Amino acid sequence: MEQQICLEADAYNQIVFGPFIGELGWEIFRWSGWVRWYKENRPEKEVIVFTRESRSDLYEGCVNAIEVFQIEGDYLKYQPDCYDCTMPSNMYEFLINSVKDKYPKAIIFEPRKFKTNKGVFDSSHSNYAYTPNPANDKMIEDLILTSKDKERIPIVLSSRERKDMAFRNWGNHNWKNLINMLENSDNFIVFVAGQSPSYFRAESKRYMFNLEDFVSSETQTTLIGLTIAAIKRSKLTIGPQTANIILSNLLKTPTLFWGHEIRRHAEKENPYKTVSRGLLDRNYSIDPIIIFREIVKLAK
């Protein structure tokens, strides 16, 4: 399928990839890396990406233009699934028509047409050397510098709180216990990425930062850009199996995760063989003390 896509795209000077409306993990591992590879190997082509505003930094510095869209309210209500989601057809048509109007001479590749196909692209044809806006890294650097009295280890907590897959949520009580243990140890600077647990949002913790709070159009920071910058500067990324565990493996920052698909995250979606400690937890109920002890061992 990749060969056919390339043949069709190569016949045009202007190519639009998007809109991407599916899962973040699929956009990271099975889409954005390939788009970067395609542009890198065809620098003469005008490549435009169409994605959610919060994900634009996945393509920063590698394409000719980034078109973004926003979704009102909770995006997860549309149950993102691989390349697709249950977005109403009139909403999707509006997105498609907007890009057609702006780029009438372009060919448009719509990822939703690939549905759940894992074999669209050659896995070796991907470039994951993400280069988000430098403002993201500057923000993370400034937050790390708030720890002036002692050297603390930066780590990323990748939480999830999805209503459509509630059985995979770890639960506020578990996050509360882990966060309290991390704070009491006073050895870590913690960046919370993903859907931060409501407990964390309601509490003020020392040397713990919810990345959502630092997203701003004025500072040109995005959630994915801040997440990439935080992962790059951290010793370890921790959480149940999520897109950010995949992202951390691609950025070569070690991971500690739990869930029901250990081999998928530790091996299949880990092309650089980044150190990845997976704990089998089919019910997503692992004891926080086990996670804390693993963090202490791995984040050195």
Foldseek 3Di string as FASTA:
>chain_A
DQVVVCVVQVVAQEAEEDDQLAAPLLCQQPNLFLLLLVCVVVVRHQYEYEYAPLPQQSCPPRHNYYHHDHDPDDSCVQPGARRDTNPDPVVVVVVVVVVCVVCVRYDYDYSCVCPNDRPNDDSVRGDRPGDGDVLLLVVLVVLCVVPPPDHAAEEEEEAECHPVPNQQHLDPVQVVVLLVVVQVVVRYQYEYAYPDDPVVVVDDGPNYYDLVVVDDVVSRDHRVSNLLSSLLRGQEYEEADGSSLLSSLSSLREYEYEEQCQCCSQPVSRVVNRHYHYDYDHRSHDHSVVVNVVCVVRRD
